[in-house]
Amino acid sequence: MKNEPWVSLEEIAMHLGVSKDTVHRWIRRRGMPAHKVGRLWKFQVSEVNTWVRTGRAENSE
């Protein structure tokens, strides 16, 4: 099985069609799956897609 690549905050924001500020807010307030590597946030698209499908991103501020 091929390992899924990690993507940056900018890439996940573009994938979701939201701003980087929204991604930061979702990490803090809604438990968006994100992994801190040094000072950088990294994401796996499959984890984020599952999180979105469960409705966790709805009713965001």
PDB file of N, CA and C in Angstrom:
ATOM      1  N   MET A   1       0.848  -1.189   0.000  1.00  0.00           N
ATOM      2  CA  MET A   1       0.000   0.000   0.000  1.00  0.00           C
ATOM      3  C   MET A   1       0.889   1.245   0.000  1.00  0.00           C
ATOM      4  N   LYS A   2       0.543   2.183  -0.831  1.00  0.00           N
ATOM      5  CA  LYS A   2       1.308   3.422  -0.954  1.00  0.00           C
ATOM      6  C   LYS A   2       0.925   4.384   0.172  1.00  0.00           C
ATOM      7  N   ASN A   3       1.930   4.996   0.783  1.00  0.00           N
ATOM      8  CA  ASN A   3       1.664   5.979   1.830  1.00  0.00           C
ATOM      9  C   ASN A   3       1.070   7.242   1.236  1.00  0.00           C
ATOM     10  N   GLU A   4       0.119   7.805   1.944  1.00  0.00           N
ATOM     11  CA  GLU A   4      -0.512   9.054   1.509  1.00  0.00           C
ATOM     12  C   GLU A   4       0.427  10.219   1.832  1.00  0.00           C
ATOM     13  N   PRO A   5       0.612  11.135   0.898  1.00  0.00           N
ATOM     14  CA  PRO A   5       1.496  12.270   1.168  1.00  0.00           C
ATOM     15  C   PRO A   5       0.853  13.266   2.138  1.00  0.00           C
ATOM     16  N   TRP A   6       1.689  13.966   2.870  1.00  0.00           N
ATOM     17  CA  TRP A   6       1.237  15.045   3.737  1.00  0.00           C
ATOM     18  C   TRP A   6       1.105  16.306   2.897  1.00  0.00           C
ATOM     19  N   VAL A   7       0.102  17.122   3.203  1.00  0.00           N
ATOM     20  CA  VAL A   7      -0.073  18.388   2.485  1.00  0.00           C
ATOM     21  C   VAL A   7      -0.001  19.539   3.479  1.00  0.00           C
ATOM     22  N   SER A   8       0.287  20.714   2.961  1.00  0.00           N
ATOM     23  CA  SER A   8       0.454  21.912   3.775  1.00  0.00           C
ATOM     24  C   SER A   8      -0.884  22.556   4.113  1.00  0.00           C
ATOM     25  N   LEU A   9      -0.852  23.514   5.003  1.00  0.00           N
ATOM     26  CA  LEU A   9      -2.043  24.280   5.355  1.00  0.00           C
ATOM     27  C   LEU A   9      -2.616  24.977   4.126  1.00  0.00           C
ATOM     28  N   GLU A  10      -1.758  25.536   3.313  1.00  0.00           N
ATOM     29  CA  GLU A  10      -2.212  26.222   2.102  1.00  0.00           C
ATOM     30  C   GLU A  10      -2.906  25.252   1.155  1.00  0.00           C
ATOM     31  N   GLU A  11      -2.334  24.057   1.015  1.00  0.00           N
ATOM     32  CA  GLU A  11      -2.917  23.067   0.104  1.00  0.00           C
ATOM     33  C   GLU A  11      -4.265  22.561   0.612  1.00  0.00           C
ATOM     34  N   ILE A  12      -4.391  22.335   1.929  1.00  0.00           N
ATOM     35  CA  ILE A  12      -5.666  21.840   2.446  1.00  0.00           C
ATOM     36  C   ILE A  12      -6.729  22.923   2.377  1.00  0.00           C
ATOM     37  N   ALA A  13      -6.340  24.180   2.585  1.00  0.00           N
ATOM     38  CA  ALA A  13      -7.300  25.284   2.457  1.00  0.00           C
ATOM     39  C   ALA A  13      -7.808  25.356   1.019  1.00  0.00           C
ATOM     40  N   MET A  14      -6.909  25.221   0.065  1.00  0.00           N
ATOM     41  CA  MET A  14      -7.306  25.252  -1.349  1.00  0.00           C
ATOM     42  C   MET A  14      -8.198  24.055  -1.670  1.00  0.00           C
ATOM     43  N   HIS A  15      -7.850  22.894  -1.168  1.00  0.00           N
ATOM     44  CA  HIS A  15      -8.650  21.679  -1.391  1.00  0.00           C
ATOM     45  C   HIS A  15     -10.083  21.868  -0.891  1.00  0.00           C
ATOM     46  N   LEU A  16     -10.229  22.528   0.262  1.00  0.00           N
ATOM     47  CA  LEU A  16     -11.550  22.723   0.854  1.00  0.00           C
ATOM     48  C   LEU A  16     -12.254  23.983   0.371  1.00  0.00           C
ATOM     49  N   GLY A  17     -11.509  24.867  -0.293  1.00  0.00           N
ATOM     50  CA  GLY A  17     -12.102  26.108  -0.783  1.00  0.00           C
ATOM     51  C   GLY A  17     -12.382  27.108   0.329  1.00  0.00           C
ATOM     52  N   VAL A  18     -11.513  27.114   1.349  1.00  0.00           N
ATOM     53  CA  VAL A  18     -11.661  28.047   2.462  1.00  0.00           C
ATOM     54  C   VAL A  18     -10.340  28.782   2.672  1.00  0.00           C
ATOM     55  N   SER A  19     -10.364  29.783   3.544  1.00  0.00           N
ATOM     56  CA  SER A  19      -9.143  30.542   3.824  1.00  0.00           C
ATOM     57  C   SER A  19      -8.257  29.796   4.822  1.00  0.00           C
ATOM     58  N   LYS A  20      -6.994  30.187   4.885  1.00  0.00           N
ATOM     59  CA  LYS A  20      -6.078  29.619   5.868  1.00  0.00           C
ATOM     60  C   LYS A  20      -6.548  29.945   7.283  1.00  0.00           C
ATOM     61  N   ASP A  21      -7.120  31.129   7.476  1.00  0.00           N
ATOM     62  CA  ASP A  21      -7.655  31.492   8.795  1.00  0.00           C
ATOM     63  C   ASP A  21      -8.767  30.546   9.222  1.00  0.00           C
ATOM     64  N   THR A  22      -9.624  30.154   8.290  1.00  0.00           N
ATOM     65  CA  THR A  22     -10.688  29.205   8.601  1.00  0.00           C
ATOM     66  C   THR A  22     -10.104  27.861   9.024  1.00  0.00           C
ATOM     67  N   VAL A  23      -9.081  27.401   8.337  1.00  0.00           N
ATOM     68  CA  VAL A  23      -8.439  26.131   8.709  1.00  0.00           C
ATOM     69  C   VAL A  23      -7.873  26.238  10.125  1.00  0.00           C
ATOM     70  N   HIS A  24      -7.187  27.315  10.429  1.00  0.00           N
ATOM     71  CA  HIS A  24      -6.656  27.510  11.790  1.00  0.00           C
ATOM     72  C   HIS A  24      -7.782  27.475  12.824  1.00  0.00           C
ATOM     73  N   ARG A  25      -8.876  28.131  12.522  1.00  0.00           N
ATOM     74  CA  ARG A  25     -10.020  28.177  13.443  1.00  0.00           C
ATOM     75  C   ARG A  25     -10.614  26.776  13.631  1.00  0.00           C
ATOM     76  N   TRP A  26     -10.742  26.007  12.544  1.00  0.00           N
ATOM     77  CA  TRP A  26     -11.270  24.658  12.637  1.00  0.00           C
ATOM     78  C   TRP A  26     -10.359  23.759  13.463  1.00  0.00           C
ATOM     79  N   ILE A  27      -9.048  23.933  13.340  1.00  0.00           N
ATOM     80  CA  ILE A  27      -8.110  23.148  14.149  1.00  0.00           C
ATOM     81  C   ILE A  27      -8.354  23.436  15.628  1.00  0.00           C
ATOM     82  N   ARG A  28      -8.439  24.717  15.975  1.00  0.00           N
ATOM     83  CA  ARG A  28      -8.601  25.123  17.382  1.00  0.00           C
ATOM     84  C   ARG A  28      -9.974  24.785  17.948  1.00  0.00           C
ATOM     85  N   ARG A  29     -11.014  25.078  17.202  1.00  0.00           N
ATOM     86  CA  ARG A  29     -12.367  25.019  17.763  1.00  0.00           C
ATOM     87  C   ARG A  29     -13.160  23.778  17.411  1.00  0.00           C
ATOM     88  N   ARG A  30     -12.801  23.105  16.333  1.00  0.00           N
ATOM     89  CA  ARG A  30     -13.635  21.993  15.868  1.00  0.00           C
ATOM     90  C   ARG A  30     -12.882  20.669  15.758  1.00  0.00           C
ATOM     91  N   GLY A  31     -11.627  20.658  16.183  1.00  0.00           N
ATOM     92  CA  GLY A  31     -10.894  19.399  16.189  1.00  0.00           C
ATOM     93  C   GLY A  31     -10.539  18.855  14.825  1.00  0.00           C
ATOM     94  N   MET A  32     -10.317  19.752  13.870  1.00  0.00           N
ATOM     95  CA  MET A  32      -9.907  19.303  12.533  1.00  0.00           C
ATOM     96  C   MET A  32      -8.619  18.491  12.652  1.00  0.00           C
ATOM     97  N   PRO A  33      -8.539  17.330  11.993  1.00  0.00           N
ATOM     98  CA  PRO A  33      -7.326  16.509  12.099  1.00  0.00           C
ATOM     99  C   PRO A  33      -6.137  17.186  11.440  1.00  0.00           C
ATOM    100  N   ALA A  34      -5.154  17.521  12.255  1.00  0.00           N
ATOM    101  CA  ALA A  34      -3.952  18.210  11.794  1.00  0.00           C
ATOM    102  C   ALA A  34      -2.788  17.747  12.651  1.00  0.00           C
ATOM    103  N   HIS A  35      -1.611  17.783  12.092  1.00  0.00           N
ATOM    104  CA  HIS A  35      -0.423  17.308  12.779  1.00  0.00           C
ATOM    105  C   HIS A  35       0.643  18.390  12.701  1.00  0.00           C
ATOM    106  N   LYS A  36       1.174  18.773  13.851  1.00  0.00           N
ATOM    107  CA  LYS A  36       2.186  19.828  13.914  1.00  0.00           C
ATOM    108  C   LYS A  36       3.557  19.193  13.697  1.00  0.00           C
ATOM    109  N   VAL A  37       4.287  19.705  12.731  1.00  0.00           N
ATOM    110  CA  VAL A  37       5.650  19.266  12.438  1.00  0.00           C
ATOM    111  C   VAL A  37       6.522  20.504  12.570  1.00  0.00           C
ATOM    112  N   GLY A  38       7.203  20.620  13.696  1.00  0.00           N
ATOM    113  CA  GLY A  38       7.923  21.862  13.978  1.00  0.00           C
ATOM    114  C   GLY A  38       6.920  22.983  14.129  1.00  0.00           C
ATOM    115  N   ARG A  39       7.060  24.001  13.309  1.00  0.00           N
ATOM    116  CA  ARG A  39       6.127  25.129  13.332  1.00  0.00           C
ATOM    117  C   ARG A  39       5.028  25.006  12.277  1.00  0.00           C
ATOM    118  N   LEU A  40       5.074  23.949  11.488  1.00  0.00           N
ATOM    119  CA  LEU A  40       4.156  23.803  10.365  1.00  0.00           C
ATOM    120  C   LEU A  40       3.031  22.822  10.668  1.00  0.00           C
ATOM    121  N   TRP A  41       1.849  23.114  10.166  1.00  0.00           N
ATOM    122  CA  TRP A  41       0.732  22.178  10.219  1.00  0.00           C
ATOM    123  C   TRP A  41       0.764  21.320   8.961  1.00  0.00           C
ATOM    124  N   LYS A  42       0.560  20.031   9.132  1.00  0.00           N
ATOM    125  CA  LYS A  42       0.485  19.099   8.006  1.00  0.00           C
ATOM    126  C   LYS A  42      -0.810  18.305   8.108  1.00  0.00           C
ATOM    127  N   PHE A  43      -1.317  17.887   6.959  1.00  0.00           N
ATOM    128  CA  PHE A  43      -2.617  17.236   6.876  1.00  0.00           C
ATOM    129  C   PHE A  43      -2.547  16.058   5.927  1.00  0.00           C
ATOM    130  N   GLN A  44      -3.416  15.078   6.172  1.00  0.00           N
ATOM    131  CA  GLN A  44      -3.637  14.020   5.200  1.00  0.00           C
ATOM    132  C   GLN A  44      -5.052  14.228   4.676  1.00  0.00           C
ATOM    133  N   VAL A  45      -5.160  14.324   3.377  1.00  0.00           N
ATOM    134  CA  VAL A  45      -6.433  14.661   2.742  1.00  0.00           C
ATOM    135  C   VAL A  45      -7.519  13.668   3.136  1.00  0.00           C
ATOM    136  N   SER A  46      -7.196  12.388   3.230  1.00  0.00           N
ATOM    137  CA  SER A  46      -8.210  11.393   3.580  1.00  0.00           C
ATOM    138  C   SER A  46      -8.786  11.646   4.972  1.00  0.00           C
ATOM    139  N   GLU A  47      -7.947  12.023   5.939  1.00  0.00           N
ATOM    140  CA  GLU A  47      -8.427  12.333   7.296  1.00  0.00           C
ATOM    141  C   GLU A  47      -9.345  13.549   7.285  1.00  0.00           C
ATOM    142  N   VAL A  48      -8.941  14.572   6.547  1.00  0.00           N
ATOM    143  CA  VAL A  48      -9.736  15.799   6.488  1.00  0.00           C
ATOM    144  C   VAL A  48     -11.062  15.532   5.776  1.00  0.00           C
ATOM    145  N   ASN A  49     -11.034  14.777   4.693  1.00  0.00           N
ATOM    146  CA  ASN A  49     -12.274  14.458   3.976  1.00  0.00           C
ATOM    147  C   ASN A  49     -13.247  13.699   4.878  1.00  0.00           C
ATOM    148  N   THR A  50     -12.750  12.756   5.644  1.00  0.00           N
ATOM    149  CA  THR A  50     -13.603  12.020   6.579  1.00  0.00           C
ATOM    150  C   THR A  50     -14.185  12.957   7.620  1.00  0.00           C
ATOM    151  N   TRP A  51     -13.368  13.853   8.149  1.00  0.00           N
ATOM    152  CA  TRP A  51     -13.805  14.840   9.142  1.00  0.00           C
ATOM    153  C   TRP A  51     -14.919  15.719   8.572  1.00  0.00           C
ATOM    154  N   VAL A  52     -14.760  16.168   7.342  1.00  0.00           N
ATOM    155  CA  VAL A  52     -15.780  17.005   6.702  1.00  0.00           C
ATOM    156  C   VAL A  52     -17.069  16.206   6.515  1.00  0.00           C
ATOM    157  N   ARG A  53     -16.944  14.968   6.052  1.00  0.00           N
ATOM    158  CA  ARG A  53     -18.134  14.139   5.801  1.00  0.00           C
ATOM    159  C   ARG A  53     -18.931  13.856   7.067  1.00  0.00           C
ATOM    160  N   THR A  54     -18.295  13.883   8.225  1.00  0.00           N
ATOM    161  CA  THR A  54     -19.010  13.645   9.481  1.00  0.00           C
ATOM    162  C   THR A  54     -19.754  14.895   9.949  1.00  0.00           C
ATOM    163  N   GLY A  55     -19.604  15.986   9.213  1.00  0.00           N
ATOM    164  CA  GLY A  55     -20.343  17.206   9.541  1.00  0.00           C
ATOM    165  C   GLY A  55     -19.654  18.137  10.509  1.00  0.00           C
ATOM    166  N   ARG A  56     -18.404  17.876  10.844  1.00  0.00           N
ATOM    167  CA  ARG A  56     -17.700  18.690  11.824  1.00  0.00           C
ATOM    168  C   ARG A  56     -17.405  20.106  11.324  1.00  0.00           C
ATOM    169  N   ALA A  57     -17.353  20.324  10.015  1.00  0.00           N
ATOM    170  CA  ALA A  57     -17.044  21.647   9.483  1.00  0.00           C
ATOM    171  C   ALA A  57     -18.294  22.512   9.331  1.00  0.00           C
ATOM    172  N   GLU A  58     -19.468  21.923   9.519  1.00  0.00           N
ATOM    173  CA  GLU A  58     -20.712  22.683   9.344  1.00  0.00           C
ATOM    174  C   GLU A  58     -20.902  23.721  10.432  1.00  0.00           C
ATOM    175  N   ASN A  59     -21.695  24.735  10.113  1.00  0.00           N
ATOM    176  CA  ASN A  59     -22.008  25.798  11.051  1.00  0.00           C
ATOM    177  C   ASN A  59     -20.766  26.490  11.585  1.00  0.00           C
ATOM    178  N   SER A  60     -19.756  26.632  10.726  1.00  0.00           N
ATOM    179  CA  SER A  60     -18.526  27.286  11.165  1.00  0.00           C
ATOM    180  C   SER A  60     -18.733  28.789  11.291  1.00  0.00           C
ATOM    181  N   GLU A  61     -17.890  29.383  12.107  1.00  0.00           N
ATOM    182  CA  GLU A  61     -17.995  30.824  12.368  1.00  0.00           C
ATOM    183  C   GLU A  61     -17.229  31.602  11.337  1.00  0.00           C
TER     184      GLU A  61
END
